PDB file of all heavy atoms in Angstrom:
ATOM      1  N   PHE A   1      -5.243 -12.079   3.768  1.00  0.00           N
ATOM      2  CA  PHE A   1      -6.184 -10.953   3.755  1.00  0.00           C
ATOM      3  C   PHE A   1      -5.577  -9.761   3.017  1.00  0.00           C
ATOM      4  O   PHE A   1      -6.222  -9.139   2.169  1.00  0.00           O
ATOM      5  CB  PHE A   1      -6.567 -10.569   5.181  1.00  0.00           C
ATOM      6  CG  PHE A   1      -7.305  -9.250   5.277  1.00  0.00           C
ATOM      7  CD1 PHE A   1      -8.653  -9.172   4.976  1.00  0.00           C
ATOM      8  CD2 PHE A   1      -6.638  -8.087   5.655  1.00  0.00           C
ATOM      9  CE1 PHE A   1      -9.332  -7.955   5.043  1.00  0.00           C
ATOM     10  CE2 PHE A   1      -7.306  -6.866   5.718  1.00  0.00           C
ATOM     11  CZ  PHE A   1      -8.659  -6.810   5.419  1.00  0.00           C
ATOM     12  N   TRP A   2      -4.329  -9.436   3.339  1.00  0.00           N
ATOM     13  CA  TRP A   2      -3.673  -8.289   2.694  1.00  0.00           C
ATOM     14  C   TRP A   2      -3.315  -8.607   1.243  1.00  0.00           C
ATOM     15  O   TRP A   2      -3.398  -7.721   0.376  1.00  0.00           O
ATOM     16  CB  TRP A   2      -2.426  -7.893   3.480  1.00  0.00           C
ATOM     17  CG  TRP A   2      -2.744  -7.395   4.856  1.00  0.00           C
ATOM     18  CD1 TRP A   2      -2.589  -8.055   6.041  1.00  0.00           C
ATOM     19  CD2 TRP A   2      -3.334  -6.129   5.190  1.00  0.00           C
ATOM     20  NE1 TRP A   2      -3.031  -7.280   7.085  1.00  0.00           N
ATOM     21  CE2 TRP A   2      -3.495  -6.090   6.592  1.00  0.00           C
ATOM     22  CE3 TRP A   2      -3.732  -5.028   4.449  1.00  0.00           C
ATOM     23  CZ2 TRP A   2      -4.026  -4.998   7.268  1.00  0.00           C
ATOM     24  CZ3 TRP A   2      -4.267  -3.924   5.102  1.00  0.00           C
ATOM     25  CH2 TRP A   2      -4.413  -3.908   6.492  1.00  0.00           C
ATOM     26  N   ARG A   3      -2.943  -9.843   0.979  1.00  0.00           N
ATOM     27  CA  ARG A   3      -2.607 -10.233  -0.400  1.00  0.00           C
ATOM     28  C   ARG A   3      -3.827 -10.099  -1.321  1.00  0.00           C
ATOM     29  O   ARG A   3      -3.687  -9.822  -2.518  1.00  0.00           O
ATOM     30  CB  ARG A   3      -2.082 -11.679  -0.407  1.00  0.00           C
ATOM     31  CG  ARG A   3      -1.895 -12.311  -1.781  1.00  0.00           C
ATOM     32  CD  ARG A   3      -0.863 -11.574  -2.607  1.00  0.00           C
ATOM     33  NE  ARG A   3      -0.706 -12.172  -3.924  1.00  0.00           N
ATOM     34  CZ  ARG A   3      -1.504 -11.935  -4.953  1.00  0.00           C
ATOM     35  NH1 ARG A   3      -2.543 -11.098  -4.831  1.00  0.00           N
ATOM     36  NH2 ARG A   3      -1.270 -12.520  -6.128  1.00  0.00           N
ATOM     37  N   ASN A   4      -5.015 -10.253  -0.774  1.00  0.00           N
ATOM     38  CA  ASN A   4      -6.238 -10.185  -1.581  1.00  0.00           C
ATOM     39  C   ASN A   4      -6.792  -8.763  -1.715  1.00  0.00           C
ATOM     40  O   ASN A   4      -7.924  -8.572  -2.153  1.00  0.00           O
ATOM     41  CB  ASN A   4      -7.316 -11.084  -0.966  1.00  0.00           C
ATOM     42  CG  ASN A   4      -6.963 -12.553  -1.073  1.00  0.00           C
ATOM     43  OD1 ASN A   4      -6.167 -12.947  -1.923  1.00  0.00           O
ATOM     44  ND2 ASN A   4      -7.537 -13.372  -0.195  1.00  0.00           N
ATOM     45  N   THR A   5      -5.999  -7.765  -1.351  1.00  0.00           N
ATOM     46  CA  THR A   5      -6.420  -6.367  -1.449  1.00  0.00           C
ATOM     47  C   THR A   5      -6.805  -6.001  -2.886  1.00  0.00           C
ATOM     48  O   THR A   5      -6.145  -6.409  -3.843  1.00  0.00           O
ATOM     49  CB  THR A   5      -5.280  -5.435  -0.972  1.00  0.00           C
ATOM     50  OG1 THR A   5      -5.049  -5.674   0.421  1.00  0.00           O
ATOM     51  CG2 THR A   5      -5.614  -3.973  -1.178  1.00  0.00           C
ATOM     52  N   ASP A   6      -7.857  -5.231  -3.023  1.00  0.00           N
ATOM     53  CA  ASP A   6      -8.277  -4.713  -4.325  1.00  0.00           C
ATOM     54  C   ASP A   6      -7.161  -3.833  -4.906  1.00  0.00           C
ATOM     55  O   ASP A   6      -6.508  -3.078  -4.184  1.00  0.00           O
ATOM     56  CB  ASP A   6      -9.556  -3.876  -4.133  1.00  0.00           C
ATOM     57  CG  ASP A   6     -10.193  -3.457  -5.447  1.00  0.00           C
ATOM     58  OD1 ASP A   6      -9.579  -2.646  -6.173  1.00  0.00           O
ATOM     59  OD2 ASP A   6     -11.320  -3.894  -5.723  1.00  0.00           O
ATOM     60  N   ASP A   7      -6.954  -3.934  -6.226  1.00  0.00           N
ATOM     61  CA  ASP A   7      -5.908  -3.133  -6.890  1.00  0.00           C
ATOM     62  C   ASP A   7      -5.998  -1.660  -6.503  1.00  0.00           C
ATOM     63  O   ASP A   7      -4.983  -0.988  -6.313  1.00  0.00           O
ATOM     64  CB  ASP A   7      -6.037  -3.241  -8.414  1.00  0.00           C
ATOM     65  CG  ASP A   7      -5.726  -4.629  -8.940  1.00  0.00           C
ATOM     66  OD1 ASP A   7      -5.459  -5.538  -8.117  1.00  0.00           O
ATOM     67  OD2 ASP A   7      -5.757  -4.814 -10.172  1.00  0.00           O
ATOM     68  N   ARG A   8      -7.224  -1.138  -6.389  1.00  0.00           N
ATOM     69  CA  ARG A   8      -7.432   0.290  -6.141  1.00  0.00           C
ATOM     70  C   ARG A   8      -7.031   0.713  -4.737  1.00  0.00           C
ATOM     71  O   ARG A   8      -6.868   1.909  -4.467  1.00  0.00           O
ATOM     72  CB  ARG A   8      -8.912   0.637  -6.378  1.00  0.00           C
ATOM     73  CG  ARG A   8      -9.379   0.430  -7.813  1.00  0.00           C
ATOM     74  CD  ARG A   8     -10.897   0.438  -7.911  1.00  0.00           C
ATOM     75  NE  ARG A   8     -11.485  -0.743  -7.287  1.00  0.00           N
ATOM     76  CZ  ARG A   8     -12.801  -0.960  -7.194  1.00  0.00           C
ATOM     77  NH1 ARG A   8     -13.659  -0.035  -7.645  1.00  0.00           N
ATOM     78  NH2 ARG A   8     -13.253  -2.070  -6.638  1.00  0.00           N
ATOM     79  N   ASP A   9      -6.878  -0.252  -3.828  1.00  0.00           N
ATOM     80  CA  ASP A   9      -6.571   0.067  -2.436  1.00  0.00           C
ATOM     81  C   ASP A   9      -5.095  -0.065  -2.084  1.00  0.00           C
ATOM     82  O   ASP A   9      -4.689   0.323  -0.984  1.00  0.00           O
ATOM     83  CB  ASP A   9      -7.366  -0.860  -1.498  1.00  0.00           C
ATOM     84  CG  ASP A   9      -8.848  -0.540  -1.472  1.00  0.00           C
ATOM     85  OD1 ASP A   9      -9.200   0.643  -1.623  1.00  0.00           O
ATOM     86  OD2 ASP A   9      -9.649  -1.481  -1.297  1.00  0.00           O
ATOM     87  N   VAL A  10      -4.298  -0.609  -2.986  1.00  0.00           N
ATOM     88  CA  VAL A  10      -2.921  -0.981  -2.636  1.00  0.00           C
ATOM     89  C   VAL A  10      -2.123   0.217  -2.127  1.00  0.00           C
ATOM     90  O   VAL A  10      -1.509   0.167  -1.051  1.00  0.00           O
ATOM     91  CB  VAL A  10      -2.213  -1.648  -3.828  1.00  0.00           C
ATOM     92  CG1 VAL A  10      -0.730  -1.838  -3.534  1.00  0.00           C
ATOM     93  CG2 VAL A  10      -2.852  -2.993  -4.128  1.00  0.00           C
ATOM     94  N   GLY A  11      -2.096   1.313  -2.878  1.00  0.00           N
ATOM     95  CA  GLY A  11      -1.300   2.471  -2.482  1.00  0.00           C
ATOM     96  C   GLY A  11      -1.746   3.057  -1.152  1.00  0.00           C
ATOM     97  O   GLY A  11      -0.924   3.370  -0.280  1.00  0.00           O
ATOM     98  N   ARG A  12      -3.063   3.191  -0.981  1.00  0.00           N
ATOM     99  CA  ARG A  12      -3.603   3.767   0.255  1.00  0.00           C
ATOM    100  C   ARG A  12      -3.268   2.898   1.458  1.00  0.00           C
ATOM    101  O   ARG A  12      -2.877   3.397   2.521  1.00  0.00           O
ATOM    102  CB  ARG A  12      -5.127   3.918   0.102  1.00  0.00           C
ATOM    103  CG  ARG A  12      -5.815   4.651   1.235  1.00  0.00           C
ATOM    104  CD  ARG A  12      -7.195   5.092   0.796  1.00  0.00           C
ATOM    105  NE  ARG A  12      -8.007   3.966   0.337  1.00  0.00           N
ATOM    106  CZ  ARG A  12      -8.987   3.412   1.047  1.00  0.00           C
ATOM    107  NH1 ARG A  12      -9.285   3.892   2.240  1.00  0.00           N
ATOM    108  NH2 ARG A  12      -9.683   2.405   0.570  1.00  0.00           N
ATOM    109  N   PHE A  13      -3.407   1.590   1.305  1.00  0.00           N
ATOM    110  CA  PHE A  13      -3.136   0.687   2.420  1.00  0.00           C
ATOM    111  C   PHE A  13      -1.645   0.614   2.742  1.00  0.00           C
ATOM    112  O   PHE A  13      -1.267   0.444   3.906  1.00  0.00           O
ATOM    113  CB  PHE A  13      -3.692  -0.703   2.123  1.00  0.00           C
ATOM    114  CG  PHE A  13      -5.199  -0.794   2.196  1.00  0.00           C
ATOM    115  CD1 PHE A  13      -5.974   0.324   2.481  1.00  0.00           C
ATOM    116  CD2 PHE A  13      -5.842  -2.004   1.967  1.00  0.00           C
ATOM    117  CE1 PHE A  13      -7.368   0.240   2.548  1.00  0.00           C
ATOM    118  CE2 PHE A  13      -7.230  -2.098   2.039  1.00  0.00           C
ATOM    119  CZ  PHE A  13      -7.992  -0.973   2.315  1.00  0.00           C
ATOM    120  N   LEU A  14      -0.790   0.732   1.735  1.00  0.00           N
ATOM    121  CA  LEU A  14       0.648   0.778   1.996  1.00  0.00           C
ATOM    122  C   LEU A  14       1.004   1.994   2.851  1.00  0.00           C
ATOM    123  O   LEU A  14       1.849   1.919   3.749  1.00  0.00           O
ATOM    124  CB  LEU A  14       1.431   0.811   0.682  1.00  0.00           C
ATOM    125  CG  LEU A  14       1.570  -0.519  -0.067  1.00  0.00           C
ATOM    126  CD1 LEU A  14       2.055  -0.278  -1.492  1.00  0.00           C
ATOM    127  CD2 LEU A  14       2.532  -1.466   0.658  1.00  0.00           C
ATOM    128  N   LYS A  15       0.348   3.127   2.587  1.00  0.00           N
ATOM    129  CA  LYS A  15       0.607   4.340   3.383  1.00  0.00           C
ATOM    130  C   LYS A  15       0.106   4.195   4.811  1.00  0.00           C
ATOM    131  O   LYS A  15       0.774   4.591   5.771  1.00  0.00           O
ATOM    132  CB  LYS A  15      -0.077   5.548   2.735  1.00  0.00           C
ATOM    133  CG  LYS A  15       0.541   6.016   1.446  1.00  0.00           C
ATOM    134  CD  LYS A  15      -0.252   7.188   0.872  1.00  0.00           C
ATOM    135  CE  LYS A  15       0.294   7.610  -0.479  1.00  0.00           C
ATOM    136  NZ  LYS A  15      -0.530   8.687  -1.101  1.00  0.00           N
ATOM    137  N   LEU A  16      -1.081   3.628   4.949  1.00  0.00           N
ATOM    138  CA  LEU A  16      -1.710   3.553   6.261  1.00  0.00           C
ATOM    139  C   LEU A  16      -1.150   2.442   7.134  1.00  0.00           C
ATOM    140  O   LEU A  16      -0.998   2.617   8.355  1.00  0.00           O
ATOM    141  CB  LEU A  16      -3.220   3.345   6.099  1.00  0.00           C
ATOM    142  CG  LEU A  16      -4.035   4.497   5.530  1.00  0.00           C
ATOM    143  CD1 LEU A  16      -5.462   4.032   5.226  1.00  0.00           C
ATOM    144  CD2 LEU A  16      -4.075   5.678   6.490  1.00  0.00           C
ATOM    145  N   PHE A  17      -0.853   1.298   6.551  1.00  0.00           N
ATOM    146  CA  PHE A  17      -0.621   0.090   7.345  1.00  0.00           C
ATOM    147  C   PHE A  17       0.790  -0.492   7.254  1.00  0.00           C
ATOM    148  O   PHE A  17       1.033  -1.586   7.757  1.00  0.00           O
ATOM    149  CB  PHE A  17      -1.652  -0.980   6.961  1.00  0.00           C
ATOM    150  CG  PHE A  17      -3.074  -0.522   7.135  1.00  0.00           C
ATOM    151  CD1 PHE A  17      -3.938  -0.414   6.053  1.00  0.00           C
ATOM    152  CD2 PHE A  17      -3.552  -0.166   8.390  1.00  0.00           C
ATOM    153  CE1 PHE A  17      -5.254   0.022   6.215  1.00  0.00           C
ATOM    154  CE2 PHE A  17      -4.864   0.268   8.564  1.00  0.00           C
ATOM    155  CZ  PHE A  17      -5.707   0.361   7.479  1.00  0.00           C
ATOM    156  N   THR A  18       1.720   0.227   6.605  1.00  0.00           N
ATOM    157  CA  THR A  18       3.118  -0.208   6.575  1.00  0.00           C
ATOM    158  C   THR A  18       4.015   0.999   6.859  1.00  0.00           C
ATOM    159  O   THR A  18       3.566   2.139   6.859  1.00  0.00           O
ATOM    160  CB  THR A  18       3.526  -0.820   5.211  1.00  0.00           C
ATOM    161  OG1 THR A  18       3.806   0.238   4.267  1.00  0.00           O
ATOM    162  CG2 THR A  18       2.439  -1.733   4.660  1.00  0.00           C
ATOM    163  N   ASP A  19       5.305   0.713   7.050  1.00  0.00           N
ATOM    164  CA  ASP A  19       6.293   1.769   7.263  1.00  0.00           C
ATOM    165  C   ASP A  19       7.119   2.044   6.014  1.00  0.00           C
ATOM    166  O   ASP A  19       8.138   2.742   6.083  1.00  0.00           O
ATOM    167  CB  ASP A  19       7.238   1.382   8.408  1.00  0.00           C
ATOM    168  CG  ASP A  19       6.589   1.518   9.781  1.00  0.00           C
ATOM    169  OD1 ASP A  19       5.556   2.208   9.893  1.00  0.00           O
ATOM    170  OD2 ASP A  19       7.112   0.920  10.746  1.00  0.00           O
ATOM    171  N   LEU A  20       6.711   1.509   4.876  1.00  0.00           N
ATOM    172  CA  LEU A  20       7.473   1.750   3.650  1.00  0.00           C
ATOM    173  C   LEU A  20       7.546   3.246   3.346  1.00  0.00           C
ATOM    174  O   LEU A  20       6.572   3.979   3.547  1.00  0.00           O
ATOM    175  CB  LEU A  20       6.817   1.035   2.466  1.00  0.00           C
ATOM    176  CG  LEU A  20       7.007  -0.480   2.342  1.00  0.00           C
ATOM    177  CD1 LEU A  20       6.305  -0.979   1.089  1.00  0.00           C
ATOM    178  CD2 LEU A  20       8.473  -0.856   2.303  1.00  0.00           C
ATOM    179  N   PRO A  21       8.693   3.723   2.831  1.00  0.00           N
ATOM    180  CA  PRO A  21       8.818   5.143   2.471  1.00  0.00           C
ATOM    181  C   PRO A  21       7.829   5.524   1.364  1.00  0.00           C
ATOM    182  O   PRO A  21       7.466   4.698   0.523  1.00  0.00           O
ATOM    183  CB  PRO A  21      10.267   5.265   1.975  1.00  0.00           C
ATOM    184  CG  PRO A  21      10.962   4.044   2.465  1.00  0.00           C
ATOM    185  CD  PRO A  21       9.930   2.971   2.593  1.00  0.00           C
ATOM    186  N   LEU A  22       7.430   6.790   1.359  1.00  0.00           N
ATOM    187  CA  LEU A  22       6.413   7.244   0.408  1.00  0.00           C
ATOM    188  C   LEU A  22       6.880   7.131  -1.043  1.00  0.00           C
ATOM    189  O   LEU A  22       6.062   6.852  -1.935  1.00  0.00           O
ATOM    190  CB  LEU A  22       6.013   8.691   0.722  1.00  0.00           C
ATOM    191  CG  LEU A  22       5.250   8.896   2.028  1.00  0.00           C
ATOM    192  CD1 LEU A  22       4.984  10.379   2.262  1.00  0.00           C
ATOM    193  CD2 LEU A  22       3.936   8.115   2.020  1.00  0.00           C
ATOM    194  N   ASP A  23       8.176   7.342  -1.309  1.00  0.00           N
ATOM    195  CA  ASP A  23       8.630   7.230  -2.700  1.00  0.00           C
ATOM    196  C   ASP A  23       8.552   5.792  -3.203  1.00  0.00           C
ATOM    197  O   ASP A  23       8.213   5.538  -4.369  1.00  0.00           O
ATOM    198  CB  ASP A  23      10.051   7.790  -2.867  1.00  0.00           C
ATOM    199  CG  ASP A  23      11.070   7.157  -1.931  1.00  0.00           C
ATOM    200  OD1 ASP A  23      10.667   6.361  -1.052  1.00  0.00           O
ATOM    201  OD2 ASP A  23      12.273   7.460  -2.077  1.00  0.00           O
ATOM    202  N   GLU A  24       8.813   4.822  -2.310  1.00  0.00           N
ATOM    203  CA  GLU A  24       8.673   3.418  -2.683  1.00  0.00           C
ATOM    204  C   GLU A  24       7.206   3.064  -2.900  1.00  0.00           C
ATOM    205  O   GLU A  24       6.854   2.315  -3.819  1.00  0.00           O
ATOM    206  CB  GLU A  24       9.289   2.523  -1.611  1.00  0.00           C
ATOM    207  CG  GLU A  24       9.094   1.023  -1.802  1.00  0.00           C
ATOM    208  CD  GLU A  24       9.770   0.452  -3.047  1.00  0.00           C
ATOM    209  OE1 GLU A  24      10.485   1.193  -3.751  1.00  0.00           O
ATOM    210  OE2 GLU A  24       9.569  -0.746  -3.316  1.00  0.00           O
ATOM    211  N   ILE A  25       6.334   3.616  -2.075  1.00  0.00           N
ATOM    212  CA  ILE A  25       4.896   3.377  -2.228  1.00  0.00           C
ATOM    213  C   ILE A  25       4.408   3.952  -3.556  1.00  0.00           C
ATOM    214  O   ILE A  25       3.617   3.323  -4.266  1.00  0.00           O
ATOM    215  CB  ILE A  25       4.113   3.980  -1.040  1.00  0.00           C
ATOM    216  CG1 ILE A  25       4.429   3.197   0.241  1.00  0.00           C
ATOM    217  CG2 ILE A  25       2.604   3.965  -1.315  1.00  0.00           C
ATOM    218  CD1 ILE A  25       3.854   3.817   1.504  1.00  0.00           C
ATOM    219  N   ALA A  26       4.894   5.133  -3.921  1.00  0.00           N
ATOM    220  CA  ALA A  26       4.500   5.750  -5.194  1.00  0.00           C
ATOM    221  C   ALA A  26       4.899   4.862  -6.370  1.00  0.00           C
ATOM    222  O   ALA A  26       4.147   4.710  -7.340  1.00  0.00           O
ATOM    223  CB  ALA A  26       5.148   7.129  -5.326  1.00  0.00           C
ATOM    224  N   ARG A  27       6.080   4.252  -6.267  1.00  0.00           N
ATOM    225  CA  ARG A  27       6.531   3.339  -7.331  1.00  0.00           C
ATOM    226  C   ARG A  27       5.630   2.116  -7.412  1.00  0.00           C
ATOM    227  O   ARG A  27       5.221   1.695  -8.503  1.00  0.00           O
ATOM    228  CB  ARG A  27       7.977   2.907  -7.061  1.00  0.00           C
ATOM    229  CG  ARG A  27       8.562   2.014  -8.147  1.00  0.00           C
ATOM    230  CD  ARG A  27       9.906   1.430  -7.753  1.00  0.00           C
ATOM    231  NE  ARG A  27       9.789   0.405  -6.721  1.00  0.00           N
ATOM    232  CZ  ARG A  27       9.437  -0.857  -6.967  1.00  0.00           C
ATOM    233  NH1 ARG A  27       9.126  -1.251  -8.200  1.00  0.00           N
ATOM    234  NH2 ARG A  27       9.365  -1.739  -5.987  1.00  0.00           N
TER     235      ARG A  27
END
């Protein structure tokens, strides 16, 4: 389900649904 995320949603979902640091998410 998560692997099939729309390209446009990847950054937003990484912020909301993971603990990855924001600088890594920006990359």
